[in-house]
Every structure is written in C-alpha cells, then in structure tokens.
PDB file of N, CA and C in Angstrom:
ATOM      1  N   MET A   1     -13.598  -3.615  -9.592  1.00  0.00           N
ATOM      2  CA  MET A   1     -12.460  -4.668  -9.117  1.00  0.00           C
ATOM      3  C   MET A   1     -10.709  -4.125  -9.787  1.00  0.00           C
ATOM      4  N   ASP A   2     -11.060  -3.493 -10.537  1.00  0.00           N
ATOM      5  CA  ASP A   2      -9.453  -2.984 -11.387  1.00  0.00           C
ATOM      6  C   ASP A   2      -9.049  -2.490 -10.348  1.00  0.00           C
ATOM      7  N   GLN A   3     -10.024  -1.492  -9.478  1.00  0.00           N
ATOM      8  CA  GLN A   3      -8.713  -0.850  -8.378  1.00  0.00           C
ATOM      9  C   GLN A   3      -8.036  -1.622  -7.607  1.00  0.00           C
ATOM     10  N   ARG A   4      -9.122  -3.012  -7.215  1.00  0.00           N
ATOM     11  CA  ARG A   4      -8.429  -3.728  -5.907  1.00  0.00           C
ATOM     12  C   ARG A   4      -7.224  -4.456  -6.723  1.00  0.00           C
ATOM     13  N   TYR A   5      -6.732  -4.156  -8.032  1.00  0.00           N
ATOM     14  CA  TYR A   5      -5.558  -4.911  -8.841  1.00  0.00           C
ATOM     15  C   TYR A   5      -4.693  -3.980  -7.987  1.00  0.00           C
ATOM     16  N   LEU A   6      -4.768  -3.113  -8.110  1.00  0.00           N
ATOM     17  CA  LEU A   6      -3.274  -2.335  -7.806  1.00  0.00           C
ATOM     18  C   LEU A   6      -2.825  -3.082  -6.364  1.00  0.00           C
ATOM     19  N   LYS A   7      -3.628  -3.285  -5.264  1.00  0.00           N
ATOM     20  CA  LYS A   7      -3.471  -3.568  -4.004  1.00  0.00           C
ATOM     21  C   LYS A   7      -3.005  -5.086  -4.265  1.00  0.00           C
ATOM     22  N   TYR A   8      -3.724  -5.890  -4.980  1.00  0.00           N
ATOM     23  CA  TYR A   8      -3.264  -7.597  -5.246  1.00  0.00           C
ATOM     24  C   TYR A   8      -1.732  -7.332  -5.284  1.00  0.00           C
ATOM     25  N   TRP A   9      -1.481  -6.595  -6.459  1.00  0.00           N
ATOM     26  CA  TRP A   9      -0.436  -6.493  -7.235  1.00  0.00           C
ATOM     27  C   TRP A   9       0.662  -6.589  -6.348  1.00  0.00           C
ATOM     28  N   ILE A  10       0.877  -4.919  -5.672  1.00  0.00           N
ATOM     29  CA  ILE A  10       1.872  -4.608  -4.676  1.00  0.00           C
ATOM     30  C   ILE A  10       1.811  -5.425  -3.684  1.00  0.00           C
ATOM     31  N   GLN A  11       0.900  -6.345  -3.355  1.00  0.00           N
ATOM     32  CA  GLN A  11       1.698  -7.152  -1.934  1.00  0.00           C
ATOM     33  C   GLN A  11       1.789  -7.923  -2.596  1.00  0.00           C
ATOM     34  N   SER A  12       1.648  -9.356  -3.696  1.00  0.00           N
ATOM     35  CA  SER A  12       2.062 -10.078  -4.249  1.00  0.00           C
ATOM     36  C   SER A  12       3.413 -10.010  -4.640  1.00  0.00           C
ATOM     37  N   TYR A  13       3.684  -8.484  -5.674  1.00  0.00           N
ATOM     38  CA  TYR A  13       4.835  -8.320  -6.488  1.00  0.00           C
ATOM     39  C   TYR A  13       6.116  -8.345  -5.179  1.00  0.00           C
ATOM     40  N   LEU A  14       5.687  -7.447  -3.975  1.00  0.00           N
ATOM     41  CA  LEU A  14       6.775  -7.151  -2.973  1.00  0.00           C
ATOM     42  C   LEU A  14       6.900  -9.081  -2.086  1.00  0.00           C
ATOM     43  N   ALA A  15       6.179  -9.564  -2.350  1.00  0.00           N
ATOM     44  CA  ALA A  15       6.169 -11.167  -1.199  1.00  0.00           C
ATOM     45  C   ALA A  15       6.457 -12.013  -2.211  1.00  0.00           C
ATOM     46  N   GLY A  16       6.744 -11.534  -3.472  1.00  0.00           N
ATOM     47  CA  GLY A  16       7.245 -12.682  -4.085  1.00  0.00           C
ATOM     48  C   GLY A  16       6.462 -13.694  -4.601  1.00  0.00           C
ATOM     49  N   VAL A  17       4.697 -13.106  -4.785  1.00  0.00           N
ATOM     50  CA  VAL A  17       3.801 -14.641  -4.987  1.00  0.00           C
ATOM     51  C   VAL A  17       3.523 -14.076  -6.420  1.00  0.00           C
ATOM     52  N   PRO A  18       4.050 -15.408  -7.156  1.00  0.00           N
ATOM     53  CA  PRO A  18       3.796 -15.534  -8.357  1.00  0.00           C
ATOM     54  C   PRO A  18       2.111 -15.654  -9.294  1.00  0.00           C
ATOM     55  N   GLN A  19       1.342 -16.168  -8.224  1.00  0.00           N
ATOM     56  CA  GLN A  19      -0.051 -15.887  -9.101  1.00  0.00           C
ATOM     57  C   GLN A  19      -0.688 -15.747  -7.679  1.00  0.00           C
ATOM     58  N   ILE A  20      -2.515 -15.439  -7.691  1.00  0.00           N
ATOM     59  CA  ILE A  20      -3.136 -15.308  -6.604  1.00  0.00           C
ATOM     60  C   ILE A  20      -4.388 -15.795  -6.910  1.00  0.00           C
ATOM     61  N   LYS A  21      -5.097 -16.111  -5.670  1.00  0.00           N
ATOM     62  CA  LYS A  21      -6.523 -16.913  -6.458  1.00  0.00           C
ATOM     63  C   LYS A  21      -7.517 -15.552  -5.714  1.00  0.00           C
ATOM     64  N   VAL A  22      -8.300 -15.044  -6.408  1.00  0.00           N
ATOM     65  CA  VAL A  22      -9.294 -13.887  -6.152  1.00  0.00           C
ATOM     66  C   VAL A  22     -10.900 -14.661  -6.463  1.00  0.00           C
ATOM     67  N   GLY A  23     -11.520 -14.477  -5.091  1.00  0.00           N
ATOM     68  CA  GLY A  23     -12.961 -14.915  -5.178  1.00  0.00           C
ATOM     69  C   GLY A  23     -13.891 -13.109  -5.654  1.00  0.00           C
ATOM     70  N   LEU A  24     -14.642 -13.768  -6.837  1.00  0.00           N
ATOM     71  CA  LEU A  24     -15.775 -12.810  -7.297  1.00  0.00           C
ATOM     72  C   LEU A  24     -17.357 -12.796  -6.646  1.00  0.00           C
ATOM     73  N   ARG A  25     -17.560 -11.964  -5.817  1.00  0.00           N
ATOM     74  CA  ARG A  25     -19.238 -11.967  -4.805  1.00  0.00           C
ATOM     75  C   ARG A  25     -19.900 -11.223  -5.427  1.00  0.00           C
ATOM     76  N   ASN A  26     -21.318 -11.504  -5.538  1.00  0.00           N
ATOM     77  CA  ASN A  26     -22.307 -10.858  -5.818  1.00  0.00           C
ATOM     78  C   ASN A  26     -23.125  -9.870  -4.963  1.00  0.00           C
ATOM     79  N   ASP A  27     -23.712  -9.401  -4.626  1.00  0.00           N
ATOM     80  CA  ASP A  27     -24.235  -8.255  -4.085  1.00  0.00           C
ATOM     81  C   ASP A  27     -24.179  -8.517  -2.533  1.00  0.00           C
ATOM     82  N   GLU A  28     -25.247  -9.920  -2.314  1.00  0.00           N
ATOM     83  CA  GLU A  28     -25.477 -10.263  -1.207  1.00  0.00           C
ATOM     84  C   GLU A  28     -24.028 -11.312  -0.336  1.00  0.00           C
ATOM     85  N   GLY A  29     -23.353 -10.799  -1.167  1.00  0.00           N
ATOM     86  CA  GLY A  29     -21.329 -12.144  -0.408  1.00  0.00           C
ATOM     87  C   GLY A  29     -21.521 -13.194  -1.096  1.00  0.00           C
ATOM     88  N   HIS A  30     -22.132 -14.014  -2.112  1.00  0.00           N
ATOM     89  CA  HIS A  30     -22.155 -15.160  -1.885  1.00  0.00           C
ATOM     90  C   HIS A  30     -21.092 -15.431  -3.399  1.00  0.00           C
ATOM     91  N   LEU A  31     -20.121 -16.395  -2.830  1.00  0.00           N
ATOM     92  CA  LEU A  31     -19.414 -16.691  -3.975  1.00  0.00           C
ATOM     93  C   LEU A  31     -19.961 -17.085  -5.802  1.00  0.00           C
ATOM     94  N   LEU A  32     -19.447 -16.037  -6.353  1.00  0.00           N
ATOM     95  CA  LEU A  32     -19.962 -16.711  -7.586  1.00  0.00           C
ATOM     96  C   LEU A  32     -18.595 -17.588  -8.798  1.00  0.00           C
ATOM     97  N   GLU A  33     -17.417 -16.941  -8.235  1.00  0.00           N
ATOM     98  CA  GLU A  33     -16.361 -17.713  -9.444  1.00  0.00           C
ATOM     99  C   GLU A  33     -14.962 -17.220  -8.401  1.00  0.00           C
ATOM    100  N   VAL A  34     -13.771 -18.167  -8.708  1.00  0.00           N
ATOM    101  CA  VAL A  34     -12.594 -18.328  -7.903  1.00  0.00           C
ATOM    102  C   VAL A  34     -11.932 -17.893  -9.257  1.00  0.00           C
ATOM    103  N   LEU A  35     -11.263 -16.813  -9.357  1.00  0.00           N
ATOM    104  CA  LEU A  35      -9.679 -16.579 -10.546  1.00  0.00           C
ATOM    105  C   LEU A  35      -8.819 -16.884  -9.657  1.00  0.00           C
ATOM    106  N   THR A  36      -7.948 -17.310 -10.937  1.00  0.00           N
ATOM    107  CA  THR A  36      -6.370 -17.455 -10.710  1.00  0.00           C
ATOM    108  C   THR A  36      -5.762 -16.706 -12.068  1.00  0.00           C
ATOM    109  N   LEU A  37      -4.862 -15.937 -11.101  1.00  0.00           N
ATOM    110  CA  LEU A  37      -4.246 -14.437 -12.011  1.00  0.00           C
ATOM    111  C   LEU A  37      -2.845 -14.541 -11.734  1.00  0.00           C
ATOM    112  N   GLN A  38      -2.139 -14.572 -12.618  1.00  0.00           N
ATOM    113  CA  GLN A  38      -0.458 -14.471 -12.553  1.00  0.00           C
ATOM    114  C   GLN A  38      -0.756 -12.369 -12.187  1.00  0.00           C
ATOM    115  N   THR A  39       0.333 -12.687 -10.939  1.00  0.00           N
ATOM    116  CA  THR A  39       0.717 -11.130  -9.952  1.00  0.00           C
ATOM    117  C   THR A  39       1.697 -10.850 -11.541  1.00  0.00           C
ATOM    118  N   LYS A  40       2.424 -11.083 -12.219  1.00  0.00           N
ATOM    119  CA  LYS A  40       2.886 -10.396 -13.295  1.00  0.00           C
ATOM    120  C   LYS A  40       2.027  -9.394 -14.725  1.00  0.00           C
ATOM    121  N   ASP A  41       0.306 -10.488 -14.910  1.00  0.00           N
ATOM    122  CA  ASP A  41      -0.390  -9.917 -15.214  1.00  0.00           C
ATOM    123  C   ASP A  41      -1.256  -8.373 -14.938  1.00  0.00           C
ATOM    124  N   LEU A  42      -1.293  -8.382 -13.525  1.00  0.00           N
ATOM    125  CA  LEU A  42      -2.333  -7.384 -13.322  1.00  0.00           C
ATOM    126  C   LEU A  42      -1.706  -6.080 -13.815  1.00  0.00           C
ATOM    127  N   GLY A  43      -1.172  -5.829 -13.881  1.00  0.00           N
ATOM    128  CA  GLY A  43      -0.935  -4.303 -14.290  1.00  0.00           C
ATOM    129  C   GLY A  43      -1.443  -4.039 -15.777  1.00  0.00           C
ATOM    130  N   SER A  44      -1.057  -4.831 -16.637  1.00  0.00           N
ATOM    131  CA  SER A  44      -1.880  -4.603 -17.894  1.00  0.00           C
ATOM    132  C   SER A  44      -3.572  -5.443 -17.871  1.00  0.00           C
ATOM    133  N   ARG A  45      -4.036  -5.613 -17.166  1.00  0.00           N
ATOM    134  CA  ARG A  45      -5.478  -5.674 -16.566  1.00  0.00           C
ATOM    135  C   ARG A  45      -6.183  -4.108 -16.647  1.00  0.00           C
ATOM    136  N   SER A  46      -5.335  -3.743 -15.908  1.00  0.00           N
ATOM    137  CA  SER A  46      -5.670  -2.569 -15.252  1.00  0.00           C
ATOM    138  C   SER A  46      -6.026  -1.223 -16.415  1.00  0.00           C
ATOM    139  N   TYR A  47      -5.136  -1.680 -17.906  1.00  0.00           N
ATOM    140  CA  TYR A  47      -5.389  -1.292 -19.054  1.00  0.00           C
ATOM    141  C   TYR A  47      -6.023  -1.326 -20.026  1.00  0.00           C
ATOM    142  N   ARG A  48      -7.015  -2.705 -19.680  1.00  0.00           N
ATOM    143  CA  ARG A  48      -8.184  -3.171 -20.670  1.00  0.00           C
ATOM    144  C   ARG A  48      -9.321  -2.640 -19.586  1.00  0.00           C
ATOM    145  N   SER A  49      -9.190  -1.819 -18.898  1.00  0.00           N
ATOM    146  CA  SER A  49     -10.205  -1.491 -18.011  1.00  0.00           C
ATOM    147  C   SER A  49     -11.138  -0.338 -18.466  1.00  0.00           C
ATOM    148  N   PRO A  50     -12.020  -0.041 -18.788  1.00  0.00           N
ATOM    149  CA  PRO A  50     -12.999   0.980 -19.221  1.00  0.00           C
ATOM    150  C   PRO A  50     -12.809   2.496 -18.359  1.00  0.00           C
ATOM    151  N   MET A  51     -12.555   2.006 -17.117  1.00  0.00           N
ATOM    152  CA  MET A  51     -12.564   3.251 -16.512  1.00  0.00           C
ATOM    153  C   MET A  51     -11.249   4.298 -16.403  1.00  0.00           C
ATOM    154  N   GLN A  52     -11.297   5.033 -16.820  1.00  0.00           N
ATOM    155  CA  GLN A  52      -9.476   5.731 -17.050  1.00  0.00           C
ATOM    156  C   GLN A  52      -9.141   5.957 -15.373  1.00  0.00           C
ATOM    157  N   ASN A  53      -9.597   5.827 -14.228  1.00  0.00           N
ATOM    158  CA  ASN A  53      -8.954   6.006 -13.290  1.00  0.00           C
ATOM    159  C   ASN A  53      -8.197   4.740 -12.263  1.00  0.00           C
ATOM    160  N   ALA A  54      -9.191   3.706 -13.340  1.00  0.00           N
ATOM    161  CA  ALA A  54      -8.195   2.335 -12.567  1.00  0.00           C
ATOM    162  C   ALA A  54      -6.946   2.202 -13.626  1.00  0.00           C
ATOM    163  N   ARG A  55      -6.707   3.001 -14.385  1.00  0.00           N
ATOM    164  CA  ARG A  55      -5.593   2.131 -14.881  1.00  0.00           C
ATOM    165  C   ARG A  55      -3.882   2.646 -14.021  1.00  0.00           C
ATOM    166  N   TRP A  56      -2.997   1.818 -14.289  1.00  0.00           N
ATOM    167  CA  TRP A  56      -1.816   2.221 -13.303  1.00  0.00           C
ATOM    168  C   TRP A  56      -0.448   1.711 -14.112  1.00  0.00           C
ATOM    169  N   ASN A  57       0.418   1.851 -13.871  1.00  0.00           N
ATOM    170  CA  ASN A  57       1.573   1.106 -14.741  1.00  0.00           C
ATOM    171  C   ASN A  57       2.582   0.710 -13.515  1.00  0.00           C
ATOM    172  N   PRO A  58       2.739  -0.768 -13.456  1.00  0.00           N
ATOM    173  CA  PRO A  58       3.703  -1.219 -12.938  1.00  0.00           C
ATOM    174  C   PRO A  58       5.129  -0.559 -11.984  1.00  0.00           C
ATOM    175  N   LEU A  59       5.613  -0.102 -13.028  1.00  0.00           N
ATOM    176  CA  LEU A  59       7.199   0.878 -13.161  1.00  0.00           C
ATOM    177  C   LEU A  59       6.948   2.425 -12.463  1.00  0.00           C
ATOM    178  N   VAL A  60       5.450   2.786 -12.866  1.00  0.00           N
ATOM    179  CA  VAL A  60       5.105   4.238 -12.266  1.00  0.00           C
ATOM    180  C   VAL A  60       4.952   3.576 -10.509  1.00  0.00           C
ATOM    181  N   VAL A  61       4.690   2.909 -10.120  1.00  0.00           N
ATOM    182  CA  VAL A  61       4.511   1.945  -8.848  1.00  0.00           C
ATOM    183  C   VAL A  61       5.841   2.213  -8.049  1.00  0.00           C
ATOM    184  N   ILE A  62       6.387   1.113  -8.652  1.00  0.00           N
ATOM    185  CA  ILE A  62       7.586   0.912  -8.483  1.00  0.00           C
ATOM    186  C   ILE A  62       8.457   2.057  -8.144  1.00  0.00           C
ATOM    187  N   ASP A  63       8.601   2.805  -8.980  1.00  0.00           N
ATOM    188  CA  ASP A  63       9.296   4.200  -8.641  1.00  0.00           C
ATOM    189  C   ASP A  63       8.770   5.469  -7.801  1.00  0.00           C
ATOM    190  N   PHE A  64       7.191   5.158  -7.705  1.00  0.00           N
ATOM    191  CA  PHE A  64       6.573   6.180  -6.521  1.00  0.00           C
ATOM    192  C   PHE A  64       6.799   5.245  -5.632  1.00  0.00           C
ATOM    193  N   MET A  65       7.373   3.790  -4.661  1.00  0.00           N
ATOM    194  CA  MET A  65       7.743   3.408  -3.607  1.00  0.00           C
ATOM    195  C   MET A  65       8.902   3.596  -3.213  1.00  0.00           C
ATOM    196  N   ASP A  66       9.786   3.704  -4.428  1.00  0.00           N
ATOM    197  CA  ASP A  66      11.140   4.105  -3.872  1.00  0.00           C
ATOM    198  C   ASP A  66      11.105   5.283  -3.671  1.00  0.00           C
ATOM    199  N   ALA A  67      10.657   6.000  -4.236  1.00  0.00           N
ATOM    200  CA  ALA A  67      11.004   7.619  -3.588  1.00  0.00           C
ATOM    201  C   ALA A  67      10.107   8.169  -2.289  1.00  0.00           C
ATOM    202  N   PHE A  68       9.062   7.129  -2.294  1.00  0.00           N
ATOM    203  CA  PHE A  68       8.542   7.338  -0.716  1.00  0.00           C
ATOM    204  C   PHE A  68       9.019   6.750   0.085  1.00  0.00           C
ATOM    205  N   CYS A  69       9.892   5.759  -0.023  1.00  0.00           N
ATOM    206  CA  CYS A  69      10.276   5.130   0.969  1.00  0.00           C
ATOM    207  C   CYS A  69      11.723   5.956   1.442  1.00  0.00           C
ATOM    208  N   SER A  70      12.294   6.307   0.021  1.00  0.00           N
ATOM    209  CA  SER A  70      13.429   7.575   0.515  1.00  0.00           C
ATOM    210  C   SER A  70      13.191   8.390   1.433  1.00  0.00           C
ATOM    211  N   PHE A  71      12.011   9.233   1.021  1.00  0.00           N
ATOM    212  CA  PHE A  71      11.531  10.208   2.207  1.00  0.00           C
ATOM    213  C   PHE A  71      11.365   9.736   2.958  1.00  0.00           C
ATOM    214  N   ALA A  72      10.532   8.749   3.159  1.00  0.00           N
ATOM    215  CA  ALA A  72      10.190   8.324   4.492  1.00  0.00           C
ATOM    216  C   ALA A  72      11.594   8.233   5.265  1.00  0.00           C
ATOM    217  N   ARG A  73      12.286   7.864   4.822  1.00  0.00           N
ATOM    218  CA  ARG A  73      13.993   7.376   5.645  1.00  0.00           C
ATOM    219  C   ARG A  73      14.412   8.572   5.841  1.00  0.00           C
ATOM    220  N   GLU A  74      14.670   9.396   5.076  1.00  0.00           N
ATOM    221  CA  GLU A  74      15.067  10.924   5.358  1.00  0.00           C
ATOM    222  C   GLU A  74      14.322  11.927   6.608  1.00  0.00           C
ATOM    223  N   LYS A  75      12.984  11.511   6.779  1.00  0.00           N
ATOM    224  CA  LYS A  75      12.091  12.504   7.538  1.00  0.00           C
ATOM    225  C   LYS A  75      12.342  11.163   9.003  1.00  0.00           C
ATOM    226  N   ILE A  76      12.345   9.950   9.075  1.00  0.00           N
ATOM    227  CA  ILE A  76      12.510   9.559  10.499  1.00  0.00           C
ATOM    228  C   ILE A  76      13.645   9.662  10.477  1.00  0.00           C
ATOM    229  N   SER A  77      14.831   9.677   9.799  1.00  0.00           N
ATOM    230  CA  SER A  77      15.928   9.963  10.305  1.00  0.00           C
ATOM    231  C   SER A  77      16.216  11.321  11.120  1.00  0.00           C
ATOM    232  N   GLN A  78      15.304  12.405  10.676  1.00  0.00           N
ATOM    233  CA  GLN A  78      15.764  13.309  10.949  1.00  0.00           C
ATOM    234  C   GLN A  78      14.624  14.050  12.506  1.00  0.00           C
ATOM    235  N   ALA A  79      13.898  12.891  12.238  1.00  0.00           N
ATOM    236  CA  ALA A  79      12.627  12.907  13.877  1.00  0.00           C
ATOM    237  C   ALA A  79      13.615  12.355  14.823  1.00  0.00           C
ATOM    238  N   PRO A  80      13.222  12.792  16.255  1.00  0.00           N
ATOM    239  CA  PRO A  80      13.836  12.184  17.587  1.00  0.00           C
ATOM    240  C   PRO A  80      13.034  10.801  17.464  1.00  0.00           C
ATOM    241  N   SER A  81      14.546  10.047  18.349  1.00  0.00           N
ATOM    242  CA  SER A  81      13.812   8.667  18.045  1.00  0.00           C
ATOM    243  C   SER A  81      12.759   8.249  18.913  1.00  0.00           C
ATOM    244  N   ASP A  82      12.032   8.868  19.912  1.00  0.00           N
ATOM    245  CA  ASP A  82      10.970   9.207  20.633  1.00  0.00           C
ATOM    246  C   ASP A  82       9.791   9.617  20.081  1.00  0.00           C
ATOM    247  N   VAL A  83       9.761  10.175  19.191  1.00  0.00           N
ATOM    248  CA  VAL A  83       8.919  10.420  18.105  1.00  0.00           C
ATOM    249  C   VAL A  83       8.333   9.613  17.395  1.00  0.00           C
ATOM    250  N   THR A  84       6.918   9.245  16.523  1.00  0.00           N
ATOM    251  CA  THR A  84       6.086   8.263  16.213  1.00  0.00           C
ATOM    252  C   THR A  84       5.812   9.352  14.665  1.00  0.00           C
ATOM    253  N   LEU A  85       6.084   9.089  13.642  1.00  0.00           N
ATOM    254  CA  LEU A  85       5.817  10.036  12.441  1.00  0.00           C
ATOM    255  C   LEU A  85       4.486   9.436  11.850  1.00  0.00           C
ATOM    256  N   ARG A  86       3.817  10.084  11.500  1.00  0.00           N
ATOM    257  CA  ARG A  86       2.350   9.419  10.875  1.00  0.00           C
ATOM    258  C   ARG A  86       2.875  10.277   9.212  1.00  0.00           C
ATOM    259  N   PHE A  87       2.799   9.476   8.373  1.00  0.00           N
ATOM    260  CA  PHE A  87       2.723  10.133   7.221  1.00  0.00           C
ATOM    261  C   PHE A  87       1.270   9.898   6.273  1.00  0.00           C
ATOM    262  N   ARG A  88       0.935  10.643   5.598  1.00  0.00           N
ATOM    263  CA  ARG A  88      -0.604  10.931   5.023  1.00  0.00           C
ATOM    264  C   ARG A  88      -0.994  11.318   3.827  1.00  0.00           C
ATOM    265  N   TYR A  89      -1.598  10.947   2.874  1.00  0.00           N
ATOM    266  CA  TYR A  89      -1.274  11.262   1.695  1.00  0.00           C
ATOM    267  C   TYR A  89      -2.945  12.458   1.287  1.00  0.00           C
ATOM    268  N   GLU A  90      -2.639  13.387   0.664  1.00  0.00           N
ATOM    269  CA  GLU A  90      -3.365  14.044   0.752  1.00  0.00           C
ATOM    270  C   GLU A  90      -4.118  14.421  -0.627  1.00  0.00           C
ATOM    271  N   PRO A  91      -4.926  13.572  -1.539  1.00  0.00           N
ATOM    272  CA  PRO A  91      -5.591  13.924  -2.609  1.00  0.00           C
ATOM    273  C   PRO A  91      -5.487  14.914  -3.498  1.00  0.00           C
ATOM    274  N   SER A  92      -6.206  16.041  -2.494  1.00  0.00           N
ATOM    275  CA  SER A  92      -6.953  16.871  -3.145  1.00  0.00           C
ATOM    276  C   SER A  92      -5.468  17.376  -3.785  1.00  0.00           C
ATOM    277  N   SER A  93      -3.902  18.192  -3.388  1.00  0.00           N
ATOM    278  CA  SER A  93      -3.214  18.260  -3.450  1.00  0.00           C
ATOM    279  C   SER A  93      -1.868  17.703  -4.081  1.00  0.00           C
ATOM    280  N   GLN A  94      -2.352  16.225  -3.846  1.00  0.00           N
ATOM    281  CA  GLN A  94      -1.390  15.212  -4.328  1.00  0.00           C
ATOM    282  C   GLN A  94      -0.046  15.557  -3.236  1.00  0.00           C
ATOM    283  N   THR A  95      -0.029  15.630  -2.366  1.00  0.00           N
ATOM    284  CA  THR A  95       1.405  15.737  -1.455  1.00  0.00           C
ATOM    285  C   THR A  95       1.258  14.510  -0.446  1.00  0.00           C
ATOM    286  N   ILE A  96       2.237  14.567   0.155  1.00  0.00           N
ATOM    287  CA  ILE A  96       2.299  13.623   1.645  1.00  0.00           C
ATOM    288  C   ILE A  96       2.508  14.434   2.701  1.00  0.00           C
ATOM    289  N   SER A  97       1.686  14.747   3.578  1.00  0.00           N
ATOM    290  CA  SER A  97       1.721  15.573   4.696  1.00  0.00           C
ATOM    291  C   SER A  97       2.849  14.640   6.140  1.00  0.00           C
ATOM    292  N   VAL A  98       3.520  15.197   6.652  1.00  0.00           N
ATOM    293  CA  VAL A  98       4.325  14.238   7.651  1.00  0.00           C
ATOM    294  C   VAL A  98       4.245  15.119   8.689  1.00  0.00           C
ATOM    295  N   ASN A  99       3.341  14.440   9.874  1.00  0.00           N
ATOM    296  CA  ASN A  99       3.585  15.260  11.409  1.00  0.00           C
ATOM    297  C   ASN A  99       3.441  13.861  12.740  1.00  0.00           C
ATOM    298  N   PRO A 100       3.649  14.637  13.555  1.00  0.00           N
ATOM    299  CA  PRO A 100       3.972  13.807  14.755  1.00  0.00           C
ATOM    300  C   PRO A 100       2.166  13.061  15.304  1.00  0.00           C
ATOM    301  N   ALA A 101       2.774  11.700  15.125  1.00  0.00           N
ATOM    302  CA  ALA A 101       1.628  10.942  15.648  1.00  0.00           C
ATOM    303  C   ALA A 101       0.616  11.672  16.420  1.00  0.00           C
ATOM    304  N   PRO A 102      -0.588  10.896  16.674  1.00  0.00           N
ATOM    305  CA  PRO A 102      -1.059  12.164  18.216  1.00  0.00           C
ATOM    306  C   PRO A 102      -0.331  10.719  19.468  1.00  0.00           C
ATOM    307  N   LEU A 103      -0.860  11.211  20.726  1.00  0.00           N
ATOM    308  CA  LEU A 103      -0.047  11.037  21.746  1.00  0.00           C
ATOM    309  C   LEU A 103      -0.540   9.617  22.019  1.00  0.00           C
ATOM    310  N   GLU A 104      -1.838   8.780  21.901  1.00  0.00           N
ATOM    311  CA  GLU A 104      -2.224   7.336  21.990  1.00  0.00           C
ATOM    312  C   GLU A 104      -1.086   6.847  20.902  1.00  0.00           C
ATOM    313  N   SER A 105      -0.606   7.314  19.710  1.00  0.00           N
ATOM    314  CA  SER A 105       0.203   5.961  18.986  1.00  0.00           C
ATOM    315  C   SER A 105       1.839   6.381  19.825  1.00  0.00           C
ATOM    316  N   GLN A 106       1.911   7.675  19.587  1.00  0.00           N
ATOM    317  CA  GLN A 106       3.536   7.570  20.984  1.00  0.00           C
ATOM    318  C   GLN A 106       3.734   6.677  22.293  1.00  0.00           C
ATOM    319  N   SER A 107       2.606   6.475  22.955  1.00  0.00           N
ATOM    320  CA  SER A 107       2.762   5.973  23.878  1.00  0.00           C
ATOM    321  C   SER A 107       2.641   4.105  23.278  1.00  0.00           C
ATOM    322  N   LEU A 108       1.819   3.783  22.386  1.00  0.00           N
ATOM    323  CA  LEU A 108       1.872   2.257  21.500  1.00  0.00           C
ATOM    324  C   LEU A 108       3.117   2.598  21.198  1.00  0.00           C
ATOM    325  N   ASN A 109       3.824   3.387  20.487  1.00  0.00           N
ATOM    326  CA  ASN A 109       5.334   2.904  19.734  1.00  0.00           C
ATOM    327  C   ASN A 109       6.165   2.499  21.251  1.00  0.00           C
ATOM    328  N   ALA A 110       6.585   3.418  22.155  1.00  0.00           N
ATOM    329  CA  ALA A 110       6.920   3.316  23.512  1.00  0.00           C
ATOM    330  C   ALA A 110       6.908   2.086  24.153  1.00  0.00           C
ATOM    331  N   SER A 111       5.813   1.276  24.167  1.00  0.00           N
ATOM    332  CA  SER A 111       5.200  -0.147  24.282  1.00  0.00           C
ATOM    333  C   SER A 111       6.196  -0.979  23.672  1.00  0.00           C
ATOM    334  N   LEU A 112       5.846  -0.544  22.292  1.00  0.00           N
ATOM    335  CA  LEU A 112       6.417  -1.930  20.963  1.00  0.00           C
ATOM    336  C   LEU A 112       7.805  -1.712  21.306  1.00  0.00           C
ATOM    337  N   ARG A 113       8.548  -0.705  21.335  1.00  0.00           N
ATOM    338  CA  ARG A 113       9.948  -0.160  21.438  1.00  0.00           C
ATOM    339  C   ARG A 113      10.717  -1.161  22.914  1.00  0.00           C
ATOM    340  N   ALA A 114       9.407  -0.987  23.996  1.00  0.00           N
ATOM    341  CA  ALA A 114      10.194  -1.911  25.177  1.00  0.00           C
ATOM    342  C   ALA A 114      10.096  -3.310  24.578  1.00  0.00           C
ATOM    343  N   ILE A 115       8.838  -3.828  24.175  1.00  0.00           N
ATOM    344  CA  ILE A 115       8.873  -5.639  23.858  1.00  0.00           C
ATOM    345  C   ILE A 115       9.938  -5.409  23.207  1.00  0.00           C
ATOM    346  N   LEU A 116      10.265  -5.519  22.125  1.00  0.00           N
ATOM    347  CA  LEU A 116      10.897  -5.428  21.156  1.00  0.00           C
ATOM    348  C   LEU A 116      12.759  -5.689  21.905  1.00  0.00           C
ATOM    349  N   GLU A 117      12.781  -4.446  22.578  1.00  0.00           N
ATOM    350  CA  GLU A 117      14.062  -4.540  23.245  1.00  0.00           C
ATOM    351  C   GLU A 117      14.581  -5.158  24.181  1.00  0.00           C
ATOM    352  N   SER A 118      13.320  -5.834  24.940  1.00  0.00           N
ATOM    353  CA  SER A 118      13.503  -6.774  25.890  1.00  0.00           C
ATOM    354  C   SER A 118      14.436  -8.007  25.124  1.00  0.00           C
TER     355      SER A 118
END
C-alpha cells in the first residue's frame, strides 16, 4: 500500500485535491474498508513504513518533477516538430533516456495534431 501513496499524492497534489478516499480490498477483491486520507499527510505515512524502499519525501518528488520538466522542455524544443519523443526511466542506471517514438506513435501524434489544429 505504501508505494501507492506516492501515486495518490502526486495526482492529488497537482490537481489541488485536499483529501482522497482509498478502498482496501482483500485478495478476492472484496472491499474491506474505505479510508479518508489528507493529501498533505501522505508523505509522512511513507516514513512510518517498515519497508525502506517505500519511503519518499514530497519535497524530493517536487524537485525531481521540476528537474524532469525542465529536461523534457529542453529535449522537446530541440526535436523537430513532427517527431514524437519517448521518455523512459532506466532503473538499473537511474537515468532517463530520450528517443524518437516508434512510427505508430508518430502517426498517432500527427492525427492528434491535425484534430487539435482543425
């Protein structure tokens, strides 16, 4: 559950949602309990986790998102306007790679662009 708090937090934080409802299920998928959680408290919940890799800090997440958005903006501005870029996180090297997306994504991008421009 603790790893999901990061996803809940970033989505709720960016959307300005002050509290969320989380349903807890058993292994068969039956709802056991509904929790009401304050968005601002989700980061501190991760610090109480016994799993070291589940802990995260909201300030570090915001700094990472700021750095990634700057990186993405730079790469996008350098790419030709008809090319769709794919950003991929590489866990083994803890890096982000940037490559042109496959051709099927390129044609989808062109279709979407045509719809938006009409």
